[in-house]
């Protein structure tokens, strides 16, 4: 869910244990981020473009779409589904903007020109304000989904903010991802008629998917992160080990979703497991040549697992 930031991005907070050694605002060649250098604010169109890019639109859209699909299939109804979508989207926006705002100096030091703040499209101050505005909207939107569902979602958002501000640079960097993804079944079932708690294996499978998302998201930038002092779980493993380990939580989550429900698995579940294995293999084989391939493979596997969750009676369908 939003703990995924989410799904959070691969960049690390400049104030955390893994803070970069270079001075704040420094960029190779002596250039600083826009607002650190005192440059005038960008025009409205550039600012909107910068904010759109700084929110990490890919992960934000993927997490919002997956959770929205789950609540729709769980029977929340049109109004409830729309409300959940807005709550998750606002949480994702807050997490993405928080990440880029707190890490502007590190991004500049690493010469990450693709980052909108480093590119001068928007200032860190504007992105920071947007993060708090989205967070302020997220609270009432989440609570409007119901007290249990709302508290669950806000827990996930808090975990993602903790990642951005602190845990990214520690060996426990996986924990916010596991927590944020792990509470997705809790959030979904809390809004269903009867509010029956989800199966334990569904929660564990979602948490494993969160760990996989963390590894896949960080993998392309491990070398840069290490050079700037980030020492999270994936950075401690190293790129080669991350590529080797990444398929394991994906496959473990899928095995739980196939074998966890009572009764025979049936051909559809085994076919889904084969699809996840194919995604994991593709990410593993293409990871060296296409840096974003593991993340795309993780999203594909998560999509298959969402279909498994939705099709499993008693998990999100109420069957």
Protein backbone atom coordinates (compact mmCIF):
# COMPACT_ATOMS: atom_id res chain seq x y z
CA UNK A 1 0.00 0.00 0.00
CA UNK A 2 1.29 3.44 0.77
CA UNK A 3 4.02 1.96 2.78
CA UNK A 4 5.22 0.77 -0.34
CA UNK A 5 5.40 3.92 -1.52
CA UNK A 6 5.21 2.72 -1.02
CA UNK A 7 5.82 2.47 -2.40
CA UNK A 8 9.20 4.70 -1.32
CA UNK A 9 11.78 5.34 -3.97
CA UNK A 10 15.39 4.17 -4.03
CA UNK A 11 16.76 7.52 -2.83
CA UNK A 12 17.68 7.99 0.81
CA UNK A 13 16.94 10.74 3.34
CA UNK A 14 19.76 13.20 3.78
CA UNK A 15 19.13 13.29 7.55
CA UNK A 16 19.15 9.54 8.22
CA UNK A 17 21.93 7.24 9.43
CA UNK A 18 23.11 6.86 5.84
CA UNK A 19 23.40 10.57 5.19
CA UNK A 20 25.76 11.53 2.40
CA UNK A 21 29.20 12.83 3.19
CA UNK A 22 29.17 15.69 0.63
CA UNK A 23 27.85 19.00 1.91
CA UNK A 24 24.20 19.72 1.55
CA UNK A 25 23.27 21.21 -1.80
CA UNK A 26 26.59 20.37 -3.38
CA UNK A 27 26.62 19.09 -6.94
CA UNK A 28 29.72 18.06 -8.88
CA UNK A 29 31.06 21.21 -10.38
CA UNK A 30 29.78 23.34 -7.49
CA UNK A 31 26.16 23.69 -8.58
CA UNK A 32 23.42 23.45 -5.94
CA UNK A 33 19.72 22.58 -6.11
CA UNK A 34 17.53 25.41 -7.27
CA UNK A 35 16.31 26.78 -3.96
CA UNK A 36 19.64 26.13 -2.22
CA UNK A 37 21.35 28.33 -4.79
CA UNK A 38 18.77 31.07 -4.41
CA UNK A 39 17.47 30.80 -7.95
CA UNK A 40 14.02 32.30 -8.61
CA UNK A 41 11.06 29.92 -8.41
CA UNK A 42 10.18 28.06 -11.57
CA UNK A 43 7.19 29.08 -13.65
CA UNK A 44 3.81 27.46 -12.97
CA UNK A 45 4.05 25.01 -15.85
CA UNK A 46 7.55 23.92 -14.87
CA UNK A 47 6.48 23.62 -11.26
CA UNK A 48 3.53 21.40 -12.14
CA UNK A 49 5.78 19.24 -14.30
CA UNK A 50 8.35 19.04 -11.53
CA UNK A 51 5.75 18.05 -8.95
CA UNK A 52 4.33 15.41 -11.29
CA UNK A 53 7.78 13.87 -11.68
CA UNK A 54 8.79 14.25 -8.03
CA UNK A 55 5.82 12.23 -6.77
CA UNK A 56 7.33 9.06 -8.33
CA UNK A 57 4.39 8.65 -10.71
CA UNK A 58 5.11 5.06 -11.77
CA UNK A 59 5.11 3.44 -8.31
CA UNK A 60 2.33 5.77 -7.11
CA UNK A 61 0.07 4.80 -10.00
CA UNK A 62 0.88 1.10 -9.68
CA UNK A 63 0.16 0.91 -5.95
CA UNK A 64 -3.01 2.98 -6.26
CA UNK A 65 -4.29 0.87 -9.14
CA UNK A 66 -3.56 -2.45 -7.41
CA UNK A 67 -5.19 -1.48 -4.11
CA UNK A 68 -8.17 0.09 -5.90
CA UNK A 69 -8.68 -3.11 -7.88
CA UNK A 70 -8.62 -5.15 -4.68
CA UNK A 71 -11.17 -3.03 -2.84
CA UNK A 72 -13.44 -2.96 -5.90
CA UNK A 73 -13.33 -6.75 -6.16
CA UNK A 74 -13.87 -7.00 -2.40
CA UNK A 75 -17.24 -5.29 -2.73
CA UNK A 76 -16.60 -1.83 -1.31
CA UNK A 77 -19.03 -0.38 -3.84
CA UNK A 78 -18.45 2.56 -6.22
CA UNK A 79 -18.36 5.24 -3.52
CA UNK A 80 -16.15 3.23 -1.18
CA UNK A 81 -13.79 2.27 -3.99
CA UNK A 82 -13.45 5.88 -5.13
CA UNK A 83 -12.79 7.01 -1.56
CA UNK A 84 -10.15 4.31 -1.06
CA UNK A 85 -8.49 5.27 -4.34
CA UNK A 86 -8.27 8.92 -3.25
CA UNK A 87 -6.90 7.94 0.17
CA UNK A 88 -4.23 5.69 -1.31
CA UNK A 89 -3.31 8.21 -4.01
CA UNK A 90 -2.92 11.04 -1.51
CA UNK A 91 -0.74 8.83 0.66
CA UNK A 92 1.40 7.85 -2.31
CA UNK A 93 1.82 11.49 -3.33
CA UNK A 94 2.87 12.47 0.18
CA UNK A 95 5.45 9.67 0.34
CA UNK A 96 6.93 10.42 -3.09
CA UNK A 97 7.19 14.15 -2.51
CA UNK A 98 8.60 13.62 0.99
CA UNK A 99 11.30 11.39 -0.47
CA UNK A 100 12.46 13.87 -3.08
CA UNK A 101 12.29 16.83 -0.69
CA UNK A 102 14.39 15.29 2.07
CA UNK A 103 16.88 13.85 -0.40
CA UNK A 104 17.42 16.87 -2.64
CA UNK A 105 20.99 17.45 -1.44
CA UNK A 106 21.96 13.81 -1.86
CA UNK A 107 20.49 13.71 -5.35
CA UNK A 108 22.47 16.81 -6.28
CA UNK A 109 25.66 15.36 -4.83
CA UNK A 110 25.13 12.21 -6.89
CA UNK A 111 24.40 14.29 -10.03
CA UNK A 112 20.97 12.66 -10.49
CA UNK A 113 19.92 15.06 -13.22
CA UNK A 114 16.70 13.12 -13.82
CA UNK A 115 15.43 14.27 -10.45
CA UNK A 116 13.17 17.31 -10.92
CA UNK A 117 14.64 19.28 -8.03
CA UNK A 118 18.18 18.76 -9.30
CA UNK A 119 17.02 19.63 -12.82
CA UNK A 120 15.60 22.92 -11.55
CA UNK A 121 11.99 22.17 -12.48
CA UNK A 122 10.77 22.73 -8.94
CA UNK A 123 12.29 23.75 -5.62
CA UNK A 124 12.71 21.50 -2.61
CA UNK A 125 10.61 23.93 -0.61
CA UNK A 126 7.67 23.52 -3.00
CA UNK A 127 7.97 19.74 -3.01
CA UNK A 128 8.13 19.70 0.78
CA UNK A 129 4.98 21.82 1.01
CA UNK A 130 3.21 19.51 -1.44
CA UNK A 131 4.18 16.49 0.68
CA UNK A 132 2.62 17.96 3.80
CA UNK A 133 -0.47 19.08 1.87
CA UNK A 134 -0.98 15.57 0.50
CA UNK A 135 -0.45 14.12 3.97
CA UNK A 136 -3.03 16.51 5.40
CA UNK A 137 -5.54 15.36 2.77
CA UNK A 138 -4.66 11.71 3.36
CA UNK A 139 -5.75 11.73 7.01
CA UNK A 140 -9.46 12.56 6.57
CA UNK A 141 -9.70 10.56 3.34
CA UNK A 142 -8.30 7.50 5.10
CA UNK A 143 -10.51 7.84 8.17
CA UNK A 144 -13.55 8.25 5.91
CA UNK A 145 -12.92 4.66 4.78
CA UNK A 146 -13.74 3.54 8.31
CA UNK A 147 -11.83 3.62 11.61
CA UNK A 148 -10.00 0.30 11.15
CA UNK A 149 -9.28 0.75 7.45
CA UNK A 150 -8.26 4.36 8.02
CA UNK A 151 -5.92 3.57 10.90
CA UNK A 152 -4.41 0.73 8.88
CA UNK A 153 -3.74 2.97 5.90
CA UNK A 154 -2.28 5.75 8.03
CA UNK A 155 0.03 3.20 9.66
CA UNK A 156 1.30 2.28 6.21
CA UNK A 157 1.84 5.94 5.30
CA UNK A 158 3.69 6.53 8.58
CA UNK A 159 5.94 3.54 7.83
CA UNK A 160 6.79 4.99 4.43
CA UNK A 161 7.62 8.40 5.93
CA UNK A 162 9.81 6.66 8.52
CA UNK A 163 11.64 4.99 5.64
CA UNK A 164 12.25 8.32 3.91
CA UNK A 165 13.37 10.14 7.03
CA UNK A 166 15.39 7.46 8.80
CA UNK A 167 15.17 3.75 8.03
CA UNK A 168 16.40 3.95 4.42
CA UNK A 169 19.99 4.18 5.62
CA UNK A 170 19.77 1.25 8.05
CA UNK A 171 19.78 -2.55 7.87
CA UNK A 172 16.05 -2.40 8.69
CA UNK A 173 15.21 -0.60 5.46
CA UNK A 174 13.06 -3.58 4.43
CA UNK A 175 10.72 -3.16 7.41
CA UNK A 176 8.60 -0.23 6.11
CA UNK A 177 8.05 -2.05 2.83
CA UNK A 178 7.04 -5.26 4.59
CA UNK A 179 4.74 -3.33 6.90
CA UNK A 180 3.18 -1.18 4.18
CA UNK A 181 2.48 -4.05 1.82
CA UNK A 182 1.59 -6.45 4.62
CA UNK A 183 -1.35 -4.38 5.82
CA UNK A 184 -2.98 -4.24 2.38
CA UNK A 185 -5.17 -7.32 3.06
CA UNK A 186 -6.07 -5.82 6.44
CA UNK A 187 -7.11 -2.55 4.78
CA UNK A 188 -9.15 -4.36 2.13
CA UNK A 189 -11.01 -6.68 4.49
CA UNK A 190 -11.66 -3.87 7.00
CA UNK A 191 -13.93 -2.19 4.45
CA UNK A 192 -15.84 -5.34 3.54
CA UNK A 193 -19.25 -6.23 4.98
CA UNK A 194 -18.56 -7.99 8.27
CA UNK A 195 -14.93 -6.82 8.33
CA UNK A 196 -13.50 -10.35 8.73
CA UNK A 197 -9.72 -10.34 9.35
CA UNK A 198 -7.65 -11.59 6.41
CA UNK A 199 -5.93 -14.97 6.39
CA UNK A 200 -2.45 -14.98 7.94
CA UNK A 201 -0.87 -16.31 4.78
CA UNK A 202 -2.34 -13.43 2.77
CA UNK A 203 -0.73 -10.91 5.11
CA UNK A 204 2.61 -12.74 5.01
CA UNK A 205 2.48 -13.00 1.21
CA UNK A 206 1.84 -9.26 0.91
CA UNK A 207 4.74 -8.50 3.27
CA UNK A 208 7.05 -10.68 1.15
CA UNK A 209 5.96 -8.76 -1.94
CA UNK A 210 6.93 -5.58 -0.11
CA UNK A 211 10.44 -6.91 0.52
CA UNK A 212 10.71 -7.83 -3.16
CA UNK A 213 9.56 -4.36 -4.19
CA UNK A 214 12.23 -2.81 -1.96
CA UNK A 215 15.00 -4.88 -3.53
CA UNK A 216 13.78 -4.21 -7.07
CA UNK A 217 13.34 -0.49 -6.48
CA UNK A 218 16.83 0.02 -5.06
CA UNK A 219 18.76 -2.27 -7.40
CA UNK A 220 19.44 0.22 -10.26
CA UNK A 221 21.02 2.78 -7.91
CA UNK A 222 22.93 0.61 -5.46
CA UNK A 223 26.37 1.75 -6.62
CA UNK A 224 25.42 5.44 -6.45
CA UNK A 225 23.78 4.97 -3.06
CA UNK A 226 26.86 3.28 -1.64
CA UNK A 227 29.08 6.05 -3.01
CA UNK A 228 26.98 8.65 -1.17
CA UNK A 229 26.94 6.75 2.11
CA UNK A 230 23.62 4.89 2.02
CA UNK A 231 23.86 1.59 3.92
CA UNK A 232 20.39 0.06 3.75
CA UNK A 233 19.67 -3.65 3.44
CA UNK A 234 20.06 -3.87 -0.37
CA UNK A 235 23.23 -1.77 -0.36
CA UNK A 236 24.76 -4.10 2.22
CA UNK A 237 23.93 -7.08 0.03
CA UNK A 238 25.34 -5.54 -3.15
CA UNK A 239 23.88 -5.55 -6.65
CA UNK A 240 24.86 -9.12 -7.55
CA UNK A 241 23.32 -10.60 -4.42
CA UNK A 242 20.18 -8.48 -4.76
CA UNK A 243 19.65 -9.80 -8.29
CA UNK A 244 20.05 -13.35 -6.96
CA UNK A 245 17.83 -12.86 -3.89
CA UNK A 246 15.02 -10.86 -5.53
CA UNK A 247 13.14 -13.83 -7.04
CA UNK A 248 12.92 -15.58 -3.66
CA UNK A 249 10.34 -13.35 -1.92
CA UNK A 250 8.34 -13.12 -5.14
CA UNK A 251 8.13 -16.89 -5.42
CA UNK A 252 7.57 -17.39 -1.69
CA UNK A 253 4.63 -14.97 -1.71
CA UNK A 254 3.08 -16.72 -4.68
CA UNK A 255 3.52 -20.18 -3.13
CA UNK A 256 1.67 -18.94 -0.04
CA UNK A 257 -1.19 -17.63 -2.18
CA UNK A 258 -1.38 -20.89 -4.11
CA UNK A 259 -0.97 -23.35 -1.24
CA UNK A 260 -2.41 -21.29 1.64
CA UNK A 261 -6.15 -21.44 0.87
CA UNK A 262 -7.97 -24.63 1.92
CA UNK A 263 -8.74 -27.22 -0.73
CA UNK A 264 -6.91 -28.18 -3.90
CA UNK A 265 -5.05 -25.40 -5.67
CA UNK A 266 -6.45 -26.10 -9.13
CA UNK A 267 -4.87 -25.36 -12.50
CA UNK A 268 -5.54 -21.61 -12.41
CA UNK A 269 -3.44 -21.09 -9.29
CA UNK A 270 -0.60 -23.23 -10.59
CA UNK A 271 -0.69 -21.28 -13.85
CA UNK A 272 -0.46 -18.06 -11.86
CA UNK A 273 2.54 -19.43 -9.99
CA UNK A 274 4.19 -20.24 -13.32
CA UNK A 275 3.52 -16.66 -14.44
CA UNK A 276 5.19 -15.26 -11.34
CA UNK A 277 8.16 -17.58 -11.90
CA UNK A 278 8.41 -16.27 -15.46
CA UNK A 279 8.38 -12.66 -14.22
CA UNK A 280 11.06 -13.43 -11.65
CA UNK A 281 13.23 -15.17 -14.23
CA UNK A 282 12.85 -12.29 -16.68
CA UNK A 283 13.87 -9.77 -14.03
CA UNK A 284 16.86 -11.89 -13.07
CA UNK A 285 18.06 -12.40 -16.64
CA UNK A 286 17.48 -8.84 -17.85
CA UNK A 287 18.58 -7.04 -14.69
CA UNK A 288 22.14 -6.35 -15.81
CA UNK A 289 21.18 -4.93 -19.22
CA UNK A 290 17.93 -3.19 -18.24
CA UNK A 291 18.25 -1.67 -14.75
CA UNK A 292 14.49 -1.23 -14.30
CA UNK A 293 13.64 -4.76 -15.43
CA UNK A 294 13.59 -6.23 -11.89
CA UNK A 295 11.16 -3.54 -10.71
CA UNK A 296 8.91 -4.12 -13.73
CA UNK A 297 9.06 -7.86 -13.06
CA UNK A 298 8.11 -7.28 -9.42
CA UNK A 299 5.11 -5.19 -10.48
CA UNK A 300 4.07 -7.91 -12.93
CA UNK A 301 4.36 -10.58 -10.24
CA UNK A 302 2.43 -8.39 -7.81
CA UNK A 303 -0.33 -7.97 -10.40
CA UNK A 304 -0.62 -11.74 -10.75
CA UNK A 305 -0.72 -12.12 -6.98
CA UNK A 306 -3.44 -9.48 -6.73
CA UNK A 307 -5.51 -11.58 -9.12
CA UNK A 308 -4.80 -14.61 -6.93
CA UNK A 309 -5.94 -12.73 -3.85
CA UNK A 310 -9.07 -11.49 -5.57
CA UNK A 311 -9.97 -14.95 -6.84
CA UNK A 312 -9.44 -16.70 -3.51
CA UNK A 313 -12.66 -17.11 -1.50
CA UNK A 314 -12.52 -15.74 2.00
CA UNK A 315 -9.55 -13.44 1.44
CA UNK A 316 -10.93 -10.34 -0.28
CA UNK A 317 -14.04 -11.58 -2.07
CA UNK A 318 -15.87 -12.59 1.08
CA UNK A 319 -16.66 -15.98 -0.42
